[in-house]
């Protein structure tokens, strides 16, 4: 079930990640969905891994922030 719109993402993604991170999640999930023959759990893991390459959760505030490169 690829996500056509960000509004379709799981609440755990929509409610906690900044918009750009949500876009990364959506694209990574959709690509993994196709690449791994519609394995939903695996696609979610791939999507979170993609987000974590660019974003990190600030332990002090609990908010996801872009990593400084």
Protein backbone atom coordinates (compact mmCIF):
# COMPACT_ATOMS: atom_id res chain seq x y z
CA UNK A 1 0.00 0.00 0.00
CA UNK A 2 2.18 2.85 -1.19
CA UNK A 3 1.36 6.26 0.21
CA UNK A 4 0.03 8.68 -2.39
CA UNK A 5 -0.10 11.63 0.01
CA UNK A 6 1.69 12.59 3.21
CA UNK A 7 -1.70 12.74 4.93
CA UNK A 8 -1.92 8.95 4.52
CA UNK A 9 1.25 8.26 6.52
CA UNK A 10 0.90 6.60 9.92
CA UNK A 11 0.07 8.97 12.77
CA UNK A 12 3.41 8.18 14.42
CA UNK A 13 5.11 9.71 11.38
CA UNK A 14 2.75 12.62 10.73
CA UNK A 15 2.58 13.77 14.33
CA UNK A 16 6.29 13.67 15.11
CA UNK A 17 8.35 14.32 11.99
CA UNK A 18 8.85 17.66 10.22
CA UNK A 19 7.34 17.89 6.73
CA UNK A 20 10.62 17.24 4.90
CA UNK A 21 11.26 14.13 7.01
CA UNK A 22 7.73 12.94 6.19
CA UNK A 23 8.51 13.36 2.49
CA UNK A 24 11.68 11.28 2.93
CA UNK A 25 9.68 8.61 4.76
CA UNK A 26 7.01 8.48 2.07
CA UNK A 27 9.48 8.18 -0.79
CA UNK A 28 11.61 5.56 0.97
CA UNK A 29 8.57 3.53 1.99
CA UNK A 30 7.13 3.54 -1.52
CA UNK A 31 10.44 2.51 -3.06
CA UNK A 32 10.97 -0.27 -0.53
CA UNK A 33 7.38 -1.45 -0.99
CA UNK A 34 8.11 -2.11 -4.64
CA UNK A 35 11.66 -3.38 -4.17
CA UNK A 36 10.79 -5.88 -1.45
CA UNK A 37 7.61 -7.30 -2.99
CA UNK A 38 5.11 -5.44 -0.81
CA UNK A 39 6.62 -6.40 2.55
CA UNK A 40 5.02 -3.69 4.68
CA UNK A 41 7.07 -4.17 7.86
CA UNK A 42 10.32 -4.13 5.92
CA UNK A 43 9.26 -1.03 3.99
CA UNK A 44 8.57 0.80 7.27
CA UNK A 45 12.01 -0.16 8.60
CA UNK A 46 13.65 1.10 5.41
CA UNK A 47 11.67 4.35 5.61
CA UNK A 48 12.70 5.02 9.23
CA UNK A 49 16.33 4.28 8.34
CA UNK A 50 16.14 6.82 5.52
CA UNK A 51 14.74 9.46 7.87
CA UNK A 52 17.45 8.77 10.44
CA UNK A 53 20.15 9.50 7.85
CA UNK A 54 19.01 13.14 7.70
CA UNK A 55 17.19 13.66 11.01
CA UNK A 56 17.81 12.88 14.66
CA UNK A 57 15.53 13.06 17.66
CA UNK A 58 16.61 15.75 20.09
CA UNK A 59 16.56 13.96 23.44
CA UNK A 60 16.13 17.22 25.36
CA UNK A 61 13.06 18.41 23.43
CA UNK A 62 11.79 15.15 21.97
CA UNK A 63 11.54 16.79 18.53
CA UNK A 64 13.07 15.49 15.32
CA UNK A 65 15.63 17.91 13.87
CA UNK A 66 17.73 17.97 10.73
CA UNK A 67 21.27 16.78 11.31
CA UNK A 68 24.02 19.33 10.74
CA UNK A 69 26.41 18.12 8.08
